[in-house]
C-alpha atoms as a PDB file:
ATOM      1  CA  MET A   1       0.000   0.000   0.000  1.00  0.00           C
ATOM      2  CA  SER A   2       1.386   3.389  -1.000  1.00  0.00           C
ATOM      3  CA  MET A   3       2.090   6.076   1.562  1.00  0.00           C
ATOM      4  CA  LYS A   4      -0.718   8.207   0.103  1.00  0.00           C
ATOM      5  CA  TRP A   5      -3.422   5.566   0.683  1.00  0.00           C
ATOM      6  CA  LYS A   6      -2.008   4.708   4.083  1.00  0.00           C
ATOM      7  CA  ARG A   7      -2.214   8.331   5.161  1.00  0.00           C
ATOM      8  CA  LEU A   8      -5.755   8.588   3.780  1.00  0.00           C
ATOM      9  CA  GLY A   9      -6.765   5.518   5.754  1.00  0.00           C
ATOM     10  CA  GLU A  10      -5.276   6.987   8.926  1.00  0.00           C
ATOM     11  CA  ASN A  11      -7.164  10.251   8.392  1.00  0.00           C
ATOM     12  CA  VAL A  12     -10.458   8.446   7.817  1.00  0.00           C
ATOM     13  CA  TRP A  13      -9.897   6.328  10.931  1.00  0.00           C
ATOM     14  CA  PHE A  14      -9.080   9.438  12.954  1.00  0.00           C
ATOM     15  CA  LEU A  15     -12.239  11.200  11.720  1.00  0.00           C
ATOM     16  CA  SER A  16     -14.498   8.155  11.963  1.00  0.00           C
ATOM     17  CA  PRO A  17     -16.112   9.085  15.327  1.00  0.00           C
ATOM     18  CA  SER A  18     -17.122  12.476  13.956  1.00  0.00           C
ATOM     19  CA  ILE A  19     -18.317  10.936  10.682  1.00  0.00           C
ATOM     20  CA  VAL A  20     -20.472   8.376  12.513  1.00  0.00           C
ATOM     21  CA  LEU A  21     -21.975  10.983  14.845  1.00  0.00           C
ATOM     22  CA  THR A  22     -22.668  13.379  11.973  1.00  0.00           C
ATOM     23  CA  ALA A  23     -24.347  10.633   9.966  1.00  0.00           C
ATOM     24  CA  ALA A  24     -26.415   9.437  12.935  1.00  0.00           C
ATOM     25  CA  LEU A  25     -27.420  12.836  14.317  1.00  0.00           C
ATOM     26  CA  GLY A  26     -27.408  14.964  11.176  1.00  0.00           C
ATOM     27  CA  VAL A  27     -27.696  13.072   7.911  1.00  0.00           C
ATOM     28  CA  TYR A  28     -30.195  10.391   8.979  1.00  0.00           C
ATOM     29  CA  PRO A  29     -32.684  12.857  10.567  1.00  0.00           C
ATOM     30  CA  LEU A  30     -32.450  15.007   7.440  1.00  0.00           C
ATOM     31  CA  ILE A  31     -33.245  12.046   5.175  1.00  0.00           C
ATOM     32  CA  TRP A  32     -36.075  11.058   7.532  1.00  0.00           C
ATOM     33  CA  MET A  33     -37.539  14.575   7.328  1.00  0.00           C
ATOM     34  CA  LEU A  34     -37.224  14.762   3.549  1.00  0.00           C
ATOM     35  CA  ARG A  35     -39.164  11.519   3.284  1.00  0.00           C
ATOM     36  CA  TYR A  36     -42.004  12.202   5.700  1.00  0.00           C
ATOM     37  CA  MET A  37     -42.798  15.719   4.481  1.00  0.00           C
ATOM     38  CA  PHE A  38     -44.682  13.954   1.664  1.00  0.00           C
ATOM     39  CA  TYR A  39     -46.710  11.858   4.115  1.00  0.00           C
ATOM     40  CA  ASP A  40     -49.589  12.299   6.508  1.00  0.00           C
ATOM     41  CA  TYR A  41     -47.944  10.867   9.610  1.00  0.00           C
ATOM     42  CA  ALA A  42     -48.723  11.398  13.273  1.00  0.00           C
ATOM     43  CA  GLY A  43     -45.841   9.353  14.665  1.00  0.00           C
ATOM     44  CA  TYR A  44     -47.695   6.080  14.924  1.00  0.00           C
ATOM     45  CA  GLY A  45     -49.511   3.780  12.522  1.00  0.00           C
ATOM     46  CA  GLU A  46     -48.824   3.529   8.810  1.00  0.00           C
ATOM     47  CA  PRO A  47     -47.722   6.752   7.043  1.00  0.00           C
ATOM     48  CA  LEU A  48     -50.090   7.833   4.255  1.00  0.00           C
ATOM     49  CA  PHE A  49     -48.473   9.227   1.115  1.00  0.00           C
ATOM     50  CA  ILE A  50     -50.171  12.530   0.175  1.00  0.00           C
ATOM     51  CA  GLY A  51     -47.664  14.051  -2.241  1.00  0.00           C
ATOM     52  CA  LEU A  52     -47.496  17.856  -2.066  1.00  0.00           C
ATOM     53  CA  ASP A  53     -50.563  18.295   0.167  1.00  0.00           C
ATOM     54  CA  ASN A  54     -48.420  19.325   3.145  1.00  0.00           C
ATOM     55  CA  PHE A  55     -46.861  22.121   1.103  1.00  0.00           C
ATOM     56  CA  GLN A  56     -50.257  23.265  -0.144  1.00  0.00           C
ATOM     57  CA  ARG A  57     -51.407  23.404   3.459  1.00  0.00           C
ATOM     58  CA  LEU A  58     -48.239  25.312   4.334  1.00  0.00           C
ATOM     59  CA  MET A  59     -48.963  28.000   1.740  1.00  0.00           C
ATOM     60  CA  ARG A  60     -52.422  28.518   3.284  1.00  0.00           C
ATOM     61  CA  ASP A  61     -51.239  28.326   6.898  1.00  0.00           C
ATOM     62  CA  GLY A  62     -51.689  31.852   8.205  1.00  0.00           C
ATOM     63  CA  GLN A  63     -50.299  30.931  11.613  1.00  0.00           C
ATOM     64  CA  PHE A  64     -47.012  29.810  10.074  1.00  0.00           C
ATOM     65  CA  TRP A  65     -46.575  32.957   7.992  1.00  0.00           C
ATOM     66  CA  GLU A  66     -47.435  35.078  11.010  1.00  0.00           C
ATOM     67  CA  SER A  67     -44.686  33.266  12.903  1.00  0.00           C
ATOM     68  CA  VAL A  68     -42.288  34.071  10.040  1.00  0.00           C
ATOM     69  CA  GLY A  69     -43.070  37.772  10.396  1.00  0.00           C
ATOM     70  CA  GLN A  70     -42.627  37.626  14.162  1.00  0.00           C
ATOM     71  CA  THR A  71     -39.311  35.823  13.669  1.00  0.00           C
ATOM     72  CA  PHE A  72     -38.045  38.768  11.624  1.00  0.00           C
ATOM     73  CA  VAL A  73     -39.194  41.207  14.328  1.00  0.00           C
ATOM     74  CA  TYR A  74     -37.528  39.149  17.041  1.00  0.00           C
ATOM     75  CA  ALA A  75     -34.309  38.598  15.079  1.00  0.00           C
ATOM     76  CA  GLY A  76     -34.122  42.222  13.929  1.00  0.00           C
ATOM     77  CA  GLY A  77     -34.628  43.587  17.429  1.00  0.00           C
ATOM     78  CA  LYS A  78     -32.059  41.204  18.880  1.00  0.00           C
ATOM     79  CA  LEU A  79     -29.452  42.055  16.231  1.00  0.00           C
ATOM     80  CA  VAL A  80     -29.963  45.824  16.472  1.00  0.00           C
ATOM     81  CA  LEU A  81     -29.407  45.752  20.229  1.00  0.00           C
ATOM     82  CA  THR A  82     -26.901  42.919  20.660  1.00  0.00           C
ATOM     83  CA  LEU A  83     -24.242  43.766  18.083  1.00  0.00           C
ATOM     84  CA  PRO A  84     -23.626  47.448  18.988  1.00  0.00           C
ATOM     85  CA  VAL A  85     -23.636  46.681  22.722  1.00  0.00           C
ATOM     86  CA  SER A  86     -21.237  43.757  22.221  1.00  0.00           C
ATOM     87  CA  LEU A  87     -18.878  45.900  20.156  1.00  0.00           C
ATOM     88  CA  LEU A  88     -18.901  48.787  22.638  1.00  0.00           C
ATOM     89  CA  LEU A  89     -18.218  46.435  25.537  1.00  0.00           C
ATOM     90  CA  ALA A  90     -15.365  44.819  23.617  1.00  0.00           C
ATOM     91  CA  VAL A  91     -13.786  48.215  22.852  1.00  0.00           C
ATOM     92  CA  PHE A  92     -14.230  49.302  26.468  1.00  0.00           C
ATOM     93  CA  LEU A  93     -12.720  46.112  27.932  1.00  0.00           C
ATOM     94  CA  ASN A  94      -9.873  46.046  25.404  1.00  0.00           C
ATOM     95  CA  GLY A  95      -8.341  49.140  26.937  1.00  0.00           C
ATOM     96  CA  LYS A  96      -6.054  49.388  29.922  1.00  0.00           C
ATOM     97  CA  LEU A  97      -8.767  49.034  32.519  1.00  0.00           C
ATOM     98  CA  ARG A  98      -8.296  47.788  36.061  1.00  0.00           C
ATOM     99  CA  GLY A  99     -10.295  44.611  36.603  1.00  0.00           C
ATOM    100  CA  ALA A 100     -10.930  44.113  32.878  1.00  0.00           C
ATOM    101  CA  GLY A 101     -10.454  40.347  33.169  1.00  0.00           C
ATOM    102  CA  LEU A 102     -13.069  40.112  35.914  1.00  0.00           C
ATOM    103  CA  LEU A 103     -15.532  42.225  33.923  1.00  0.00           C
ATOM    104  CA  ARG A 104     -15.035  40.050  30.846  1.00  0.00           C
ATOM    105  CA  GLY A 105     -15.884  36.995  32.913  1.00  0.00           C
ATOM    106  CA  ILE A 106     -18.978  38.662  34.369  1.00  0.00           C
ATOM    107  CA  TYR A 107     -20.306  39.668  30.954  1.00  0.00           C
ATOM    108  CA  PHE A 108     -19.576  36.191  29.562  1.00  0.00           C
ATOM    109  CA  VAL A 109     -21.336  34.287  32.366  1.00  0.00           C
ATOM    110  CA  PRO A 110     -24.875  34.547  30.835  1.00  0.00           C
ATOM    111  CA  THR A 111     -23.717  32.578  27.784  1.00  0.00           C
ATOM    112  CA  ILE A 112     -22.911  29.515  29.902  1.00  0.00           C
ATOM    113  CA  ILE A 113     -26.012  29.586  32.096  1.00  0.00           C
ATOM    114  CA  SER A 114     -28.829  27.222  31.158  1.00  0.00           C
ATOM    115  CA  THR A 115     -31.568  28.782  29.037  1.00  0.00           C
ATOM    116  CA  ALA A 116     -34.131  27.263  31.391  1.00  0.00           C
ATOM    117  CA  VAL A 117     -32.572  29.023  34.383  1.00  0.00           C
ATOM    118  CA  ILE A 118     -32.355  32.346  32.555  1.00  0.00           C
ATOM    119  CA  SER A 119     -35.974  32.073  31.429  1.00  0.00           C
ATOM    120  CA  VAL A 120     -37.300  31.292  34.910  1.00  0.00           C
ATOM    121  CA  VAL A 121     -35.340  34.183  36.427  1.00  0.00           C
ATOM    122  CA  PHE A 122     -36.538  36.707  33.848  1.00  0.00           C
ATOM    123  CA  TYR A 123     -40.108  35.404  34.038  1.00  0.00           C
ATOM    124  CA  THR A 124     -39.998  36.253  37.733  1.00  0.00           C
ATOM    125  CA  ILE A 125     -38.339  39.621  37.157  1.00  0.00           C
ATOM    126  CA  PHE A 126     -40.905  40.716  34.553  1.00  0.00           C
ATOM    127  CA  ASN A 127     -43.930  39.315  36.384  1.00  0.00           C
ATOM    128  CA  ALA A 128     -46.714  41.885  36.205  1.00  0.00           C
ATOM    129  CA  TYR A 129     -47.750  41.837  39.866  1.00  0.00           C
ATOM    130  CA  ASN A 130     -44.719  41.023  42.009  1.00  0.00           C
ATOM    131  CA  GLY A 131     -41.840  41.291  39.521  1.00  0.00           C
ATOM    132  CA  MET A 132     -38.740  43.301  40.348  1.00  0.00           C
ATOM    133  CA  VAL A 133     -39.032  45.590  37.293  1.00  0.00           C
ATOM    134  CA  ASN A 134     -42.500  46.865  38.186  1.00  0.00           C
ATOM    135  CA  THR A 135     -41.578  47.112  41.861  1.00  0.00           C
ATOM    136  CA  VAL A 136     -38.544  49.313  41.146  1.00  0.00           C
ATOM    137  CA  LEU A 137     -40.406  51.498  38.622  1.00  0.00           C
ATOM    138  CA  MET A 138     -43.292  52.056  41.020  1.00  0.00           C
ATOM    139  CA  LYS A 139     -40.979  52.912  43.941  1.00  0.00           C
ATOM    140  CA  LEU A 140     -39.274  55.473  41.680  1.00  0.00           C
ATOM    141  CA  HIS A 141     -42.753  56.807  40.757  1.00  0.00           C
ATOM    142  CA  LEU A 142     -42.033  56.272  37.069  1.00  0.00           C
ATOM    143  CA  ILE A 143     -45.260  54.304  36.636  1.00  0.00           C
ATOM    144  CA  GLY A 144     -48.553  54.488  38.516  1.00  0.00           C
ATOM    145  CA  GLN A 145     -49.644  50.893  38.056  1.00  0.00           C
ATOM    146  CA  PRO A 146     -47.951  47.593  37.123  1.00  0.00           C
ATOM    147  CA  ILE A 147     -47.102  47.039  33.465  1.00  0.00           C
ATOM    148  CA  ASP A 148     -47.928  43.665  31.972  1.00  0.00           C
ATOM    149  CA  TRP A 149     -44.511  42.985  30.453  1.00  0.00           C
ATOM    150  CA  LEU A 150     -45.651  39.546  29.270  1.00  0.00           C
ATOM    151  CA  GLY A 151     -48.916  40.812  27.795  1.00  0.00           C
ATOM    152  CA  PRO A 152     -49.716  41.382  24.103  1.00  0.00           C
ATOM    153  CA  LYS A 153     -48.182  44.879  24.013  1.00  0.00           C
ATOM    154  CA  TYR A 154     -44.762  44.268  25.556  1.00  0.00           C
ATOM    155  CA  ALA A 155     -44.156  40.501  25.347  1.00  0.00           C
ATOM    156  CA  MET A 156     -42.001  40.680  22.205  1.00  0.00           C
ATOM    157  CA  LEU A 157     -39.881  43.470  23.684  1.00  0.00           C
ATOM    158  CA  THR A 158     -39.405  41.430  26.850  1.00  0.00           C
ATOM    159  CA  VAL A 159     -38.209  38.265  25.089  1.00  0.00           C
ATOM    160  CA  ILE A 160     -35.876  40.359  22.908  1.00  0.00           C
ATOM    161  CA  LEU A 161     -34.285  41.913  26.003  1.00  0.00           C
ATOM    162  CA  VAL A 162     -33.836  38.463  27.537  1.00  0.00           C
ATOM    163  CA  ALA A 163     -32.176  37.241  24.319  1.00  0.00           C
ATOM    164  CA  VAL A 164     -29.876  40.262  24.218  1.00  0.00           C
ATOM    165  CA  TRP A 165     -28.786  39.707  27.831  1.00  0.00           C
ATOM    166  CA  GLY A 166     -27.926  36.098  27.048  1.00  0.00           C
ATOM    167  CA  ALA A 167     -26.042  36.787  23.802  1.00  0.00           C
ATOM    168  CA  VAL A 168     -24.030  39.960  24.440  1.00  0.00           C
ATOM    169  CA  GLY A 169     -21.161  38.203  26.232  1.00  0.00           C
ATOM    170  CA  ASN A 170     -20.601  35.673  23.456  1.00  0.00           C
ATOM    171  CA  TYR A 171     -20.290  38.236  20.672  1.00  0.00           C
ATOM    172  CA  MET A 172     -18.312  40.567  22.939  1.00  0.00           C
ATOM    173  CA  LEU A 173     -15.692  37.834  23.289  1.00  0.00           C
ATOM    174  CA  LEU A 174     -15.460  37.394  19.510  1.00  0.00           C
ATOM    175  CA  PHE A 175     -15.115  41.135  18.952  1.00  0.00           C
ATOM    176  CA  LEU A 176     -12.509  41.260  21.712  1.00  0.00           C
ATOM    177  CA  ALA A 177     -10.455  38.556  19.990  1.00  0.00           C
ATOM    178  CA  GLY A 178     -10.571  40.602  16.783  1.00  0.00           C
ATOM    179  CA  LEU A 179      -9.528  43.786  18.577  1.00  0.00           C
ATOM    180  CA  GLN A 180      -6.533  42.122  20.162  1.00  0.00           C
ATOM    181  CA  GLY A 181      -5.354  41.100  16.691  1.00  0.00           C
ATOM    182  CA  ILE A 182      -5.056  44.735  15.551  1.00  0.00           C
ATOM    183  CA  PRO A 183      -1.400  45.936  15.659  1.00  0.00           C
ATOM    184  CA  GLN A 184      -0.863  48.522  18.378  1.00  0.00           C
ATOM    185  CA  ASP A 185       1.614  50.355  16.133  1.00  0.00           C
ATOM    186  CA  LEU A 186      -1.309  51.733  14.143  1.00  0.00           C
ATOM    187  CA  TYR A 187      -2.834  53.348  17.228  1.00  0.00           C
ATOM    188  CA  GLU A 188       0.529  54.736  18.349  1.00  0.00           C
ATOM    189  CA  SER A 189       1.176  56.286  14.934  1.00  0.00           C
ATOM    190  CA  ALA A 190      -2.317  57.792  14.864  1.00  0.00           C
ATOM    191  CA  SER A 191      -1.844  59.232  18.366  1.00  0.00           C
ATOM    192  CA  ILE A 192       1.450  60.827  17.340  1.00  0.00           C
ATOM    193  CA  ASP A 193      -0.360  62.394  14.362  1.00  0.00           C
ATOM    194  CA  GLY A 194      -2.918  63.863  16.749  1.00  0.00           C
ATOM    195  CA  ALA A 195      -5.880  61.576  16.002  1.00  0.00           C
ATOM    196  CA  SER A 196      -8.555  61.605  18.708  1.00  0.00           C
ATOM    197  CA  ALA A 197      -9.976  58.440  20.297  1.00  0.00           C
ATOM    198  CA  SER A 198     -13.128  58.645  18.158  1.00  0.00           C
ATOM    199  CA  ARG A 199     -11.051  59.163  15.022  1.00  0.00           C
ATOM    200  CA  ARG A 200      -8.921  56.118  15.835  1.00  0.00           C
ATOM    201  CA  LEU A 201     -12.110  54.112  16.346  1.00  0.00           C
ATOM    202  CA  TRP A 202     -13.582  55.046  12.953  1.00  0.00           C
ATOM    203  CA  SER A 203     -10.354  55.007  10.928  1.00  0.00           C
ATOM    204  CA  ILE A 204      -8.500  52.059  12.466  1.00  0.00           C
ATOM    205  CA  THR A 205     -10.613  49.884  14.745  1.00  0.00           C
ATOM    206  CA  LEU A 206     -13.745  49.434  12.648  1.00  0.00           C
ATOM    207  CA  PRO A 207     -12.000  48.853   9.275  1.00  0.00           C
ATOM    208  CA  MET A 208      -9.520  46.401  10.795  1.00  0.00           C
ATOM    209  CA  LEU A 209     -12.337  44.628  12.629  1.00  0.00           C
ATOM    210  CA  ALA A 210     -14.453  44.195   9.483  1.00  0.00           C
ATOM    211  CA  PRO A 211     -13.543  40.510   8.761  1.00  0.00           C
ATOM    212  CA  VAL A 212     -14.376  39.491  12.333  1.00  0.00           C
ATOM    213  CA  ALA A 213     -17.536  41.604  12.282  1.00  0.00           C
ATOM    214  CA  GLN A 214     -18.758  39.835   9.142  1.00  0.00           C
ATOM    215  CA  LEU A 215     -18.386  36.458  10.837  1.00  0.00           C
ATOM    216  CA  VAL A 216     -20.039  37.680  14.042  1.00  0.00           C
ATOM    217  CA  ILE A 217     -22.990  39.166  12.145  1.00  0.00           C
ATOM    218  CA  MET A 218     -23.519  35.937  10.198  1.00  0.00           C
ATOM    219  CA  LEU A 219     -23.460  33.858  13.408  1.00  0.00           C
ATOM    220  CA  ALA A 220     -25.813  36.339  15.071  1.00  0.00           C
ATOM    221  CA  ILE A 221     -28.277  36.222  12.156  1.00  0.00           C
ATOM    222  CA  ILE A 222     -28.424  32.414  12.224  1.00  0.00           C
ATOM    223  CA  ALA A 223     -28.784  32.270  16.009  1.00  0.00           C
ATOM    224  CA  SER A 224     -31.495  34.951  16.036  1.00  0.00           C
ATOM    225  CA  LEU A 225     -33.570  33.285  13.321  1.00  0.00           C
ATOM    226  CA  LYS A 226     -33.301  29.880  14.998  1.00  0.00           C
ATOM    227  CA  GLY A 227     -33.814  31.044  18.580  1.00  0.00           C
ATOM    228  CA  TYR A 228     -36.962  29.921  20.378  1.00  0.00           C
ATOM    229  CA  GLU A 229     -35.982  28.231  23.664  1.00  0.00           C
ATOM    230  CA  SER A 230     -36.336  31.218  25.992  1.00  0.00           C
ATOM    231  CA  ILE A 231     -39.558  32.284  24.245  1.00  0.00           C
ATOM    232  CA  MET A 232     -41.026  28.822  24.760  1.00  0.00           C
ATOM    233  CA  LEU A 233     -40.182  28.903  28.460  1.00  0.00           C
ATOM    234  CA  ILE A 234     -41.260  32.497  29.146  1.00  0.00           C
ATOM    235  CA  THR A 235     -44.383  33.005  27.010  1.00  0.00           C
ATOM    236  CA  GLU A 236     -44.916  29.705  25.095  1.00  0.00           C
ATOM    237  CA  GLY A 237     -45.493  31.875  22.029  1.00  0.00           C
ATOM    238  CA  GLY A 238     -48.261  33.859  23.678  1.00  0.00           C
ATOM    239  CA  PRO A 239     -50.134  35.816  24.516  1.00  0.00           C
ATOM    240  CA  ILE A 240     -52.431  35.088  21.564  1.00  0.00           C
ATOM    241  CA  GLY A 241     -49.438  34.097  19.443  1.00  0.00           C
ATOM    242  CA  LYS A 242     -47.679  37.473  19.712  1.00  0.00           C
ATOM    243  CA  THR A 243     -44.259  35.909  20.319  1.00  0.00           C
ATOM    244  CA  GLU A 244     -44.577  32.678  18.367  1.00  0.00           C
ATOM    245  CA  VAL A 245     -41.555  32.406  16.052  1.00  0.00           C
ATOM    246  CA  MET A 246     -40.904  29.867  13.292  1.00  0.00           C
ATOM    247  CA  TYR A 247     -38.968  27.301  15.264  1.00  0.00           C
ATOM    248  CA  LEU A 248     -41.377  27.453  18.189  1.00  0.00           C
ATOM    249  CA  TYR A 249     -44.275  26.794  15.812  1.00  0.00           C
ATOM    250  CA  LEU A 250     -42.296  23.872  14.384  1.00  0.00           C
ATOM    251  CA  TYR A 251     -41.540  22.539  17.872  1.00  0.00           C
ATOM    252  CA  LYS A 252     -45.236  22.548  18.781  1.00  0.00           C
ATOM    253  CA  LEU A 253     -46.057  20.494  15.689  1.00  0.00           C
ATOM    254  CA  LEU A 254     -43.409  17.885  16.462  1.00  0.00           C
ATOM    255  CA  PHE A 255     -43.679  17.882  20.275  1.00  0.00           C
ATOM    256  CA  PRO A 256     -47.191  19.038  21.282  1.00  0.00           C
ATOM    257  CA  VAL A 257     -46.570  19.309  25.018  1.00  0.00           C
ATOM    258  CA  SER A 258     -47.177  22.976  25.779  1.00  0.00           C
ATOM    259  CA  THR A 259     -50.169  25.266  25.907  1.00  0.00           C
ATOM    260  CA  GLY A 260     -51.499  26.184  22.475  1.00  0.00           C
ATOM    261  CA  SER A 261     -50.004  23.143  20.751  1.00  0.00           C
ATOM    262  CA  PRO A 262     -52.052  20.979  18.403  1.00  0.00           C
ATOM    263  CA  VAL A 263     -53.753  18.034  20.111  1.00  0.00           C
ATOM    264  CA  GLU A 264     -52.155  15.509  17.773  1.00  0.00           C
ATOM    265  CA  GLN A 265     -48.527  15.178  16.830  1.00  0.00           C
ATOM    266  CA  GLN A 266     -48.032  16.121  13.168  1.00  0.00           C
ATOM    267  CA  LEU A 267     -44.701  14.724  12.044  1.00  0.00           C
ATOM    268  CA  GLY A 268     -45.567  14.809   8.355  1.00  0.00           C
ATOM    269  CA  TYR A 269     -46.690  18.416   8.255  1.00  0.00           C
ATOM    270  CA  GLY A 270     -44.007  19.327  10.783  1.00  0.00           C
ATOM    271  CA  SER A 271     -41.357  17.958   8.410  1.00  0.00           C
ATOM    272  CA  ALA A 272     -42.679  20.230   5.657  1.00  0.00           C
ATOM    273  CA  VAL A 273     -42.626  23.210   8.021  1.00  0.00           C
ATOM    274  CA  GLY A 274     -39.088  22.272   9.089  1.00  0.00           C
ATOM    275  CA  PHE A 275     -37.951  22.191   5.476  1.00  0.00           C
ATOM    276  CA  ALA A 276     -39.537  25.604   4.824  1.00  0.00           C
ATOM    277  CA  THR A 277     -37.923  27.175   7.893  1.00  0.00           C
ATOM    278  CA  ALA A 278     -34.524  25.761   6.913  1.00  0.00           C
ATOM    279  CA  VAL A 279     -34.923  27.233   3.413  1.00  0.00           C
ATOM    280  CA  ILE A 280     -35.847  30.660   4.857  1.00  0.00           C
ATOM    281  CA  VAL A 281     -32.892  30.707   7.255  1.00  0.00           C
ATOM    282  CA  GLY A 282     -30.538  29.424   4.552  1.00  0.00           C
ATOM    283  CA  ALA A 283     -31.762  32.004   2.032  1.00  0.00           C
ATOM    284  CA  ILE A 284     -31.288  34.926   4.430  1.00  0.00           C
ATOM    285  CA  THR A 285     -27.855  33.695   5.502  1.00  0.00           C
ATOM    286  CA  GLY A 286     -26.835  33.136   1.871  1.00  0.00           C
ATOM    287  CA  LEU A 287     -28.050  36.610   0.906  1.00  0.00           C
ATOM    288  CA  TYR A 288     -25.998  38.174   3.689  1.00  0.00           C
ATOM    289  CA  PHE A 289     -22.962  36.138   2.618  1.00  0.00           C
ATOM    290  CA  LEU A 290     -23.271  37.337  -0.986  1.00  0.00           C
ATOM    291  CA  LEU A 291     -23.748  40.960   0.079  1.00  0.00           C
ATOM    292  CA  SER A 292     -20.731  40.823   2.397  1.00  0.00           C
ATOM    293  CA  ARG A 293     -18.575  39.367  -0.398  1.00  0.00           C
ATOM    294  CA  LYS A 294     -19.660  42.153  -2.749  1.00  0.00           C
ATOM    295  CA  MET A 295     -18.829  44.734  -0.075  1.00  0.00           C
ATOM    296  CA  ASN A 296     -15.349  43.200   0.294  1.00  0.00           C
ATOM    297  CA  LYS A 297     -14.746  43.474  -3.458  1.00  0.00           C
ATOM    298  CA  MET A 298     -15.825  47.121  -3.422  1.00  0.00           C
ATOM    299  CA  TYR A 299     -13.280  47.971  -0.777  1.00  0.00           C
END
């Protein structure tokens, strides 16, 4: 056996655990979904082949398309708040600040706490009648009566704020890694030339951070479009569906265990919805990727 084939065999053997896990946990479920989206299947009994009926139902499913719109609201709000805050924190903690290491750890802690724990804590904090937020606002005489933060008017804002709190530390760390890769000579030369701190930020930091920022934005877009765990635990998509996003709607079809879920498990239709959500997320991510590549060519 030649050295080339021997080395190939060694590489395959080395990667075999990952290959097996990917096939078992990624490829097989995907094939399963692609098959059953053409069937009427509730998880038991014999699947009934119905062709494209699930997709016809999907096109007429107002609840699904409403969840798509609410996903864009949720993702847009999360991105608009999370990315600037993460960048500002990274710039702030990248300087010569006493206790910067401790502060970095504090801001990063929410990313390693269980989503269930975070959701329970914030559900208590934003409770309309005995929550800490209303208590503090009323003691400061900023409001005269409790605000229903989990009601139809403010529920989406509340779950966005919870998502931002949980995500800021992760993206801050990525921005911080990018900032530490910028040569300090550039800042020293700019300071000698009399450039102010704001000028150094706009002329050096942001342009040099662009490659990292593109990666962070892409990761943030995917995570925001796919996020649903904290929403499920805090509002379950309510009230009256005001916070039901795509992946939460999909979860209720596949695992009808929460309030507002269909009575019967719908694996066939759920597979069609899963395929549609994957296409939407993939299309948006691909569009961003193409736009970012065009921007790179321009500059």
